[in-house]
Protein backbone atom coordinates (compact mmCIF):
# COMPACT_ATOMS: atom_id res chain seq x y z
CA UNK A 1 -27.30 100.30 11.34
CA UNK A 2 -28.75 97.01 10.11
CA UNK A 3 -30.04 97.10 6.53
CA UNK A 4 -33.81 97.40 6.21
CA UNK A 5 -34.07 97.91 2.48
CA UNK A 6 -37.58 96.49 2.11
CA UNK A 7 -39.26 99.39 3.91
CA UNK A 8 -39.72 102.85 2.48
CA UNK A 9 -41.18 106.21 3.24
CA UNK A 10 -42.35 107.87 0.03
CA UNK A 11 -42.02 111.63 -0.31
CA UNK A 12 -43.94 113.54 -2.99
CA UNK A 13 -42.63 116.90 -4.13
CA UNK A 14 -44.69 119.59 -5.79
CA UNK A 15 -42.10 121.57 -7.73
CA UNK A 16 -38.99 119.41 -7.41
CA UNK A 17 -40.93 116.97 -9.64
CA UNK A 18 -39.93 113.63 -8.11
CA UNK A 19 -40.91 110.99 -5.59
CA UNK A 20 -38.36 109.66 -3.12
CA UNK A 21 -38.03 106.59 -0.94
CA UNK A 22 -36.22 106.56 2.37
CA UNK A 23 -34.63 103.27 3.38
CA UNK A 24 -32.48 102.08 6.25
CA UNK A 25 -29.09 101.79 4.57
CA UNK A 26 -25.92 103.82 4.78
CA UNK A 27 -25.76 107.32 3.29
CA UNK A 28 -23.36 107.81 0.38
CA UNK A 29 -21.31 110.99 0.04
CA UNK A 30 -22.59 113.36 -2.68
CA UNK A 31 -20.45 115.51 -4.98
CA UNK A 32 -19.88 118.95 -3.47
CA UNK A 33 -20.60 120.67 -6.79
CA UNK A 34 -24.22 119.53 -6.66
CA UNK A 35 -24.69 120.17 -2.95
CA UNK A 36 -27.53 122.68 -3.37
CA UNK A 37 -29.63 120.85 -5.96
CA UNK A 38 -31.41 117.54 -6.38
CA UNK A 39 -30.67 114.49 -4.29
CA UNK A 40 -27.36 115.93 -3.12
CA UNK A 41 -29.18 118.78 -1.36
CA UNK A 42 -31.10 116.35 0.88
CA UNK A 43 -29.91 115.30 4.33
CA UNK A 44 -31.41 112.49 6.43
CA UNK A 45 -30.43 110.91 9.78
CA UNK A 46 -27.50 108.46 9.88
CA UNK A 47 -28.54 105.04 8.63
CA UNK A 48 -30.93 106.30 5.95
CA UNK A 49 -30.51 107.04 2.28
CA UNK A 50 -32.63 108.80 -0.35
CA UNK A 51 -33.44 107.24 -3.72
CA UNK A 52 -35.40 108.42 -6.72
CA UNK A 53 -38.55 106.29 -7.09
CA UNK A 54 -40.14 108.10 -10.06
CA UNK A 55 -39.74 111.28 -12.08
CA UNK A 56 -40.59 112.71 -15.51
CA UNK A 57 -42.03 111.50 -17.81
CA UNK A 58 -43.81 109.08 -15.45
CA UNK A 59 -45.01 111.99 -13.31
CA UNK A 60 -44.68 115.73 -13.84
CA UNK A 61 -45.93 117.58 -10.74
CA UNK A 62 -46.95 115.00 -8.12
CA UNK A 63 -49.01 116.31 -5.22
CA UNK A 64 -50.64 113.50 -3.20
CA UNK A 65 -50.70 109.73 -3.69
CA UNK A 66 -51.78 106.34 -2.33
CA UNK A 67 -50.92 102.67 -2.93
CA UNK A 68 -53.39 99.94 -3.83
CA UNK A 69 -53.19 96.31 -2.69
CA UNK A 70 -51.03 95.40 -5.72
CA UNK A 71 -48.38 98.03 -5.03
CA UNK A 72 -49.52 100.39 -7.76
CA UNK A 73 -49.26 104.07 -6.86
CA UNK A 74 -52.09 106.49 -7.69
CA UNK A 75 -50.74 110.03 -7.99
CA UNK A 76 -52.59 113.34 -8.19
CA UNK A 77 -50.53 114.99 -10.95
CA UNK A 78 -50.87 118.73 -11.51
CA UNK A 79 -51.06 120.25 -14.99
CA UNK A 80 -48.96 123.21 -13.81
CA UNK A 81 -51.61 125.85 -14.46
CA UNK A 82 -52.60 128.68 -12.12
CA UNK A 83 -56.32 129.12 -12.74
CA UNK A 84 -59.24 129.94 -10.47
CA UNK A 85 -62.00 127.40 -9.91
CA UNK A 86 -64.47 128.61 -12.56
CA UNK A 87 -61.75 128.50 -15.23
CA UNK A 88 -60.62 125.03 -14.14
CA UNK A 89 -64.21 123.78 -14.46
CA UNK A 90 -64.48 124.78 -18.12
CA UNK A 91 -61.80 122.31 -19.21
CA UNK A 92 -60.46 120.35 -16.21
CA UNK A 93 -56.69 119.98 -16.81
CA UNK A 94 -55.40 117.75 -14.00
CA UNK A 95 -55.01 113.97 -13.94
CA UNK A 96 -54.56 111.01 -11.62
CA UNK A 97 -51.75 108.72 -12.79
CA UNK A 98 -51.20 105.08 -11.90
CA UNK A 99 -47.54 104.12 -11.55
CA UNK A 100 -46.37 100.51 -11.73
CA UNK A 101 -43.11 98.61 -11.31
CA UNK A 102 -43.55 96.33 -14.32
CA UNK A 103 -40.13 94.61 -14.18
CA UNK A 104 -39.99 94.15 -10.41
CA UNK A 105 -36.75 96.04 -9.79
CA UNK A 106 -38.20 98.27 -7.07
CA UNK A 107 -38.57 101.40 -9.22
CA UNK A 108 -41.61 102.59 -11.10
CA UNK A 109 -41.30 102.26 -14.88
CA UNK A 110 -44.86 102.43 -16.22
CA UNK A 111 -47.34 105.31 -16.03
CA UNK A 112 -51.01 105.22 -17.02
CA UNK A 113 -53.57 108.03 -16.86
CA UNK A 114 -56.09 106.50 -14.47
CA UNK A 115 -58.42 109.53 -14.52
CA UNK A 116 -58.20 112.61 -16.72
CA UNK A 117 -60.18 115.87 -16.71
CA UNK A 118 -59.97 116.31 -12.94
CA UNK A 119 -60.70 119.85 -11.73
CA UNK A 120 -58.08 119.78 -8.96
CA UNK A 121 -57.36 116.44 -7.20
CA UNK A 122 -56.32 117.43 -3.68
CA UNK A 123 -56.25 114.16 -1.80
CA UNK A 124 -56.47 110.47 -2.60
CA UNK A 125 -57.10 107.10 -0.95
CA UNK A 126 -57.40 103.58 -2.36
CA UNK A 127 -59.84 101.24 -0.65
CA UNK A 128 -61.57 98.01 -1.63
CA UNK A 129 -60.94 98.32 -5.37
CA UNK A 130 -61.74 102.02 -5.73
CA UNK A 131 -59.90 105.32 -5.63
CA UNK A 132 -61.47 108.04 -3.47
CA UNK A 133 -60.47 111.61 -4.22
CA UNK A 134 -61.27 115.20 -3.28
CA UNK A 135 -61.64 117.26 -6.45
CA UNK A 136 -63.79 120.37 -5.93
CA UNK A 137 -66.66 120.70 -5.72
CA UNK A 138 -67.06 117.00 -4.88
CA UNK A 139 -65.69 113.93 -3.15
CA UNK A 140 -65.37 111.17 -5.77
CA UNK A 141 -65.29 107.40 -6.05
CA UNK A 142 -63.37 106.24 -9.15
CA UNK A 143 -63.34 102.63 -10.35
CA UNK A 144 -61.67 100.65 -13.13
CA UNK A 145 -64.32 97.99 -13.80
CA UNK A 146 -62.79 96.49 -16.97
CA UNK A 147 -59.16 96.24 -15.79
CA UNK A 148 -57.59 98.46 -18.45
CA UNK A 149 -55.94 100.78 -15.92
CA UNK A 150 -58.33 103.70 -16.46
CA UNK A 151 -61.33 104.71 -14.37
CA UNK A 152 -64.49 104.03 -16.38
CA UNK A 153 -66.91 104.62 -13.50
CA UNK A 154 -66.97 107.97 -11.72
CA UNK A 155 -69.39 108.62 -8.89
CA UNK A 156 -69.89 111.85 -6.96
CA UNK A 157 -70.37 110.66 -3.40
CA UNK A 158 -70.67 114.12 -1.81
CA UNK A 159 -70.82 117.58 -3.36
CA UNK A 160 -71.37 121.26 -2.57
CA UNK A 161 -67.81 122.24 -1.62
CA UNK A 162 -66.09 125.45 -2.67
CA UNK A 163 -64.01 125.48 -5.86
CA UNK A 164 -61.45 128.25 -5.47
CA UNK A 165 -58.58 126.86 -7.53
CA UNK A 166 -56.07 127.76 -4.81
CA UNK A 167 -55.83 124.30 -3.20
CA UNK A 168 -57.32 125.07 0.20
CA UNK A 169 -61.02 124.40 -0.34
CA UNK A 170 -61.05 120.62 0.35
CA UNK A 171 -58.57 117.79 0.90
CA UNK A 172 -58.54 114.02 1.46
CA UNK A 173 -59.44 111.32 1.93
CA UNK A 174 -58.17 108.95 4.51
CA UNK A 175 -59.48 105.58 5.59
CA UNK A 176 -60.52 105.44 9.22
CA UNK A 177 -60.42 102.41 11.51
CA UNK A 178 -64.24 102.41 11.37
CA UNK A 179 -64.21 101.65 7.62
CA UNK A 180 -65.30 105.18 6.73
CA UNK A 181 -63.62 107.69 4.41
CA UNK A 182 -62.54 110.98 6.02
CA UNK A 183 -61.80 114.25 4.23
CA UNK A 184 -61.60 117.95 4.98
CA UNK A 185 -63.42 121.12 3.91
CA UNK A 186 -61.66 124.48 4.14
CA UNK A 187 -63.10 127.73 5.46
CA UNK A 188 -65.03 128.72 2.36
CA UNK A 189 -68.77 128.87 1.61
CA UNK A 190 -70.24 125.41 1.15
CA UNK A 191 -73.58 123.61 1.05
CA UNK A 192 -72.60 119.99 1.63
CA UNK A 193 -74.97 117.27 0.48
CA UNK A 194 -75.28 113.97 -1.29
CA UNK A 195 -76.04 114.54 -5.01
CA UNK A 196 -79.76 115.27 -5.16
CA UNK A 197 -80.06 115.09 -1.38
CA UNK A 198 -80.68 117.55 1.42
CA UNK A 199 -77.94 119.91 2.64
CA UNK A 200 -76.34 118.52 5.79
CA UNK A 201 -74.15 121.56 6.47
CA UNK A 202 -74.15 125.12 5.16
CA UNK A 203 -71.63 127.73 6.16
CA UNK A 204 -68.00 128.73 5.92
CA UNK A 205 -66.48 126.90 8.90
CA UNK A 206 -63.71 124.38 8.19
CA UNK A 207 -64.84 120.81 8.76
CA UNK A 208 -63.75 117.19 8.87
CA UNK A 209 -66.36 114.87 7.37
CA UNK A 210 -66.85 111.15 6.86
CA UNK A 211 -69.06 108.68 5.03
CA UNK A 212 -69.20 105.00 4.15
CA UNK A 213 -67.56 103.94 0.86
CA UNK A 214 -70.92 104.15 -0.92
CA UNK A 215 -71.46 107.74 0.28
CA UNK A 216 -74.09 106.85 2.87
CA UNK A 217 -74.07 107.93 6.53
CA UNK A 218 -72.55 111.28 5.59
CA UNK A 219 -71.81 113.40 8.64
CA UNK A 220 -69.61 116.14 10.06
CA UNK A 221 -67.10 114.73 12.54
CA UNK A 222 -65.71 117.97 13.89
CA UNK A 223 -65.73 121.64 13.04
CA UNK A 224 -63.43 124.67 13.10
CA UNK A 225 -60.37 122.50 12.55
CA UNK A 226 -58.77 124.97 10.13
CA UNK A 227 -57.86 124.25 6.52
CA UNK A 228 -56.83 120.68 7.22
CA UNK A 229 -54.93 118.72 4.56
CA UNK A 230 -54.22 115.34 6.09
CA UNK A 231 -55.98 113.12 8.63
CA UNK A 232 -54.42 110.00 10.19
CA UNK A 233 -55.35 107.61 13.00
CA UNK A 234 -53.39 105.90 15.74
CA UNK A 235 -53.83 102.21 16.50
CA UNK A 236 -56.26 103.21 19.23
CA UNK A 237 -58.35 105.31 16.83
CA UNK A 238 -57.12 108.75 17.91
CA UNK A 239 -57.34 111.24 15.02
CA UNK A 240 -54.65 113.75 14.08
CA UNK A 241 -54.75 116.40 11.36
CA UNK A 242 -52.28 118.79 9.72
CA UNK A 243 -52.89 122.12 8.06
CA UNK A 244 -53.45 125.84 8.51
CA UNK A 245 -55.40 125.81 11.74
CA UNK A 246 -54.75 128.98 13.66
CA UNK A 247 -55.96 132.50 13.09
CA UNK A 248 -52.99 134.77 12.24
CA UNK A 249 -51.16 135.72 15.45
CA UNK A 250 -53.95 134.22 17.58
CA UNK A 251 -51.38 132.32 19.63
CA UNK A 252 -48.28 134.36 18.94
CA UNK A 253 -46.46 135.90 15.99
CA UNK A 254 -45.84 133.43 13.19
CA UNK A 255 -47.74 130.60 14.92
CA UNK A 256 -50.15 129.79 12.12
CA UNK A 257 -49.86 126.19 10.92
CA UNK A 258 -50.12 123.23 13.25
CA UNK A 259 -50.80 119.59 13.98
CA UNK A 260 -53.97 119.01 15.95
CA UNK A 261 -55.21 116.12 18.08
CA UNK A 262 -58.80 116.10 16.87
CA UNK A 263 -61.36 115.76 19.64
CA UNK A 264 -64.98 115.22 18.66
CA UNK A 265 -66.89 118.45 19.19
CA UNK A 266 -63.82 120.52 20.06
CA UNK A 267 -63.04 123.97 18.64
CA UNK A 268 -59.62 125.36 17.80
CA UNK A 269 -58.40 128.92 17.12
CA UNK A 270 -59.47 129.77 13.57
CA UNK A 271 -60.96 132.90 12.10
CA UNK A 272 -63.56 134.19 14.56
CA UNK A 273 -66.39 134.38 12.04
CA UNK A 274 -66.35 130.60 11.60
CA UNK A 275 -66.65 129.85 15.31
CA UNK A 276 -70.12 131.42 15.38
CA UNK A 277 -71.45 128.52 13.29
CA UNK A 278 -70.95 125.99 16.10
CA UNK A 279 -72.08 125.72 19.68
CA UNK A 280 -69.23 126.23 22.10
CA UNK A 281 -69.46 125.60 25.83
CA UNK A 282 -65.80 125.61 26.79
CA UNK A 283 -62.45 127.10 25.91
CA UNK A 284 -60.73 126.66 22.57
CA UNK A 285 -58.29 123.76 22.56
CA UNK A 286 -54.60 124.31 21.71
CA UNK A 287 -52.83 122.55 18.85
CA UNK A 288 -50.72 119.46 19.43
CA UNK A 289 -47.72 121.39 18.11
CA UNK A 290 -47.00 124.63 16.24
CA UNK A 291 -45.38 124.44 12.79
CA UNK A 292 -44.91 128.14 12.03
CA UNK A 293 -45.78 129.48 8.59
CA UNK A 294 -44.91 126.14 7.04
CA UNK A 295 -47.81 125.53 4.62
CA UNK A 296 -48.16 122.15 6.27
CA UNK A 297 -49.37 119.56 3.77
CA UNK A 298 -50.17 115.87 4.30
CA UNK A 299 -48.93 113.64 7.10
CA UNK A 300 -48.63 109.97 8.05
CA UNK A 301 -48.28 107.80 11.13
CA UNK A 302 -45.57 105.14 11.06
CA UNK A 303 -47.18 101.73 11.62
CA UNK A 304 -44.36 99.29 10.86
CA UNK A 305 -41.20 98.67 12.87
CA UNK A 306 -38.90 98.21 9.86
CA UNK A 307 -37.32 101.63 10.41
CA UNK A 308 -36.76 100.74 14.04
CA UNK A 309 -39.17 100.25 16.91
CA UNK A 310 -38.55 103.83 18.05
CA UNK A 311 -40.28 105.10 14.89
CA UNK A 312 -43.50 103.14 15.33
CA UNK A 313 -46.39 105.48 16.16
CA UNK A 314 -44.45 108.62 15.18
CA UNK A 315 -46.11 111.21 12.96
CA UNK A 316 -44.31 112.56 9.88
CA UNK A 317 -45.49 115.77 8.19
CA UNK A 318 -44.61 117.40 4.86
CA UNK A 319 -43.77 121.09 5.37
CA UNK A 320 -44.03 122.72 1.95
CA UNK A 321 -42.53 126.12 2.80
CA UNK A 322 -39.76 124.77 5.00
CA UNK A 323 -38.35 122.25 2.49
CA UNK A 324 -38.49 119.39 4.98
CA UNK A 325 -40.19 116.33 6.38
CA UNK A 326 -40.54 116.63 10.15
CA UNK A 327 -40.76 113.78 12.63
CA UNK A 328 -43.18 114.16 15.56
CA UNK A 329 -42.72 111.90 18.59
CA UNK A 330 -46.03 111.76 20.39
CA UNK A 331 -46.64 110.37 23.87
CA UNK A 332 -49.87 109.95 25.77
CA UNK A 333 -50.45 112.66 28.43
CA UNK A 334 -53.79 112.23 30.13
CA UNK A 335 -56.58 112.75 27.62
CA UNK A 336 -54.26 114.06 24.92
CA UNK A 337 -50.60 113.87 23.86
CA UNK A 338 -47.28 115.64 24.11
CA UNK A 339 -45.24 116.16 20.96
CA UNK A 340 -41.48 116.44 20.39
CA UNK A 341 -40.38 117.59 16.94
CA UNK A 342 -37.19 116.91 15.02
CA UNK A 343 -36.14 117.29 11.41
CA UNK A 344 -36.09 114.00 9.51
CA UNK A 345 -35.46 114.91 5.86
CA UNK A 346 -34.28 118.41 4.92
CA UNK A 347 -33.28 119.91 1.58
CA UNK A 348 -31.13 122.96 0.89
CA UNK A 349 -32.69 123.14 -2.59
CA UNK A 350 -35.08 126.15 -2.69
CA UNK A 351 -37.22 124.29 -5.28
CA UNK A 352 -37.80 121.33 -2.95
CA UNK A 353 -41.41 121.51 -1.69
CA UNK A 354 -42.69 118.27 -0.13
CA UNK A 355 -46.44 117.70 -0.30
CA UNK A 356 -47.00 114.13 0.90
CA UNK A 357 -45.30 111.41 2.94
CA UNK A 358 -46.51 107.82 3.35
CA UNK A 359 -45.34 104.25 3.96
CA UNK A 360 -44.70 101.71 1.22
């Protein structure tokens, strides 16, 4: 396969404590003695290789991340504690780190704490000079106005979300093709509002929301989409989401997590009590594809052709429980899509738990 070393997919790992890049070069043989741990435990398709992009002490427990226009990587870095929301709020322990490649060799070598005292950063997006982040009970806009690498301006754009401490109360954001920020609320009690403003939604139903970068025009896009983690858009503006969508055994034993083609106003099989919060005039829609009990985390859509034209428009999802990154080939089928799944990156290491995947 022709070398394509300038293009990478970045994989973030929750407990393997590393970030990896996937590039189009030949795979080297790994020592058999290390076959069940670390890089040697990872297999990828022919023509790709796996490289370490960053590890301790630059990052400790990376969860979700996003690049800025200068190639700096903002990483939600966990403190490794297991506390409920009220305890986290007393002394917020988590941070957002900014990683840089200071010497230009293609690997990160500098780490700065961009934002400390975060309750639980569970999603991140860089846009127009600011970092947007879900950290319960609010959706934040963080800015470095003096250029020292640390956020000195923090603004709560939207608040009123649950704060459970178990990482399924809110996630995001993502930048939509309409210039709005999208993020997700899980199925927990919430009273969503702008700080000091009126409540726009009260209930327990899972939601996908959006607003302009200044927090204005806040609205619910769709409801009963499950505990979504990631939201991405196709070139045509079609929205896809990953997460725990389905009620247990609602569509068959073990068919819990899924990818969904998000249709405005549609409802999907989640816990019955949440469906009562929305008007429903038709049948529940099925998921795009089942993912089993995978603890599906974030996802991406491949926009460049550097990995090969056949990869453009494919979805890639991080499956935490299954120790893999899965490739999803989607094709238009009437008003929706078909989906064909195949493993892309798989580890035999039981401590490998991918949480995010995105393009460099």
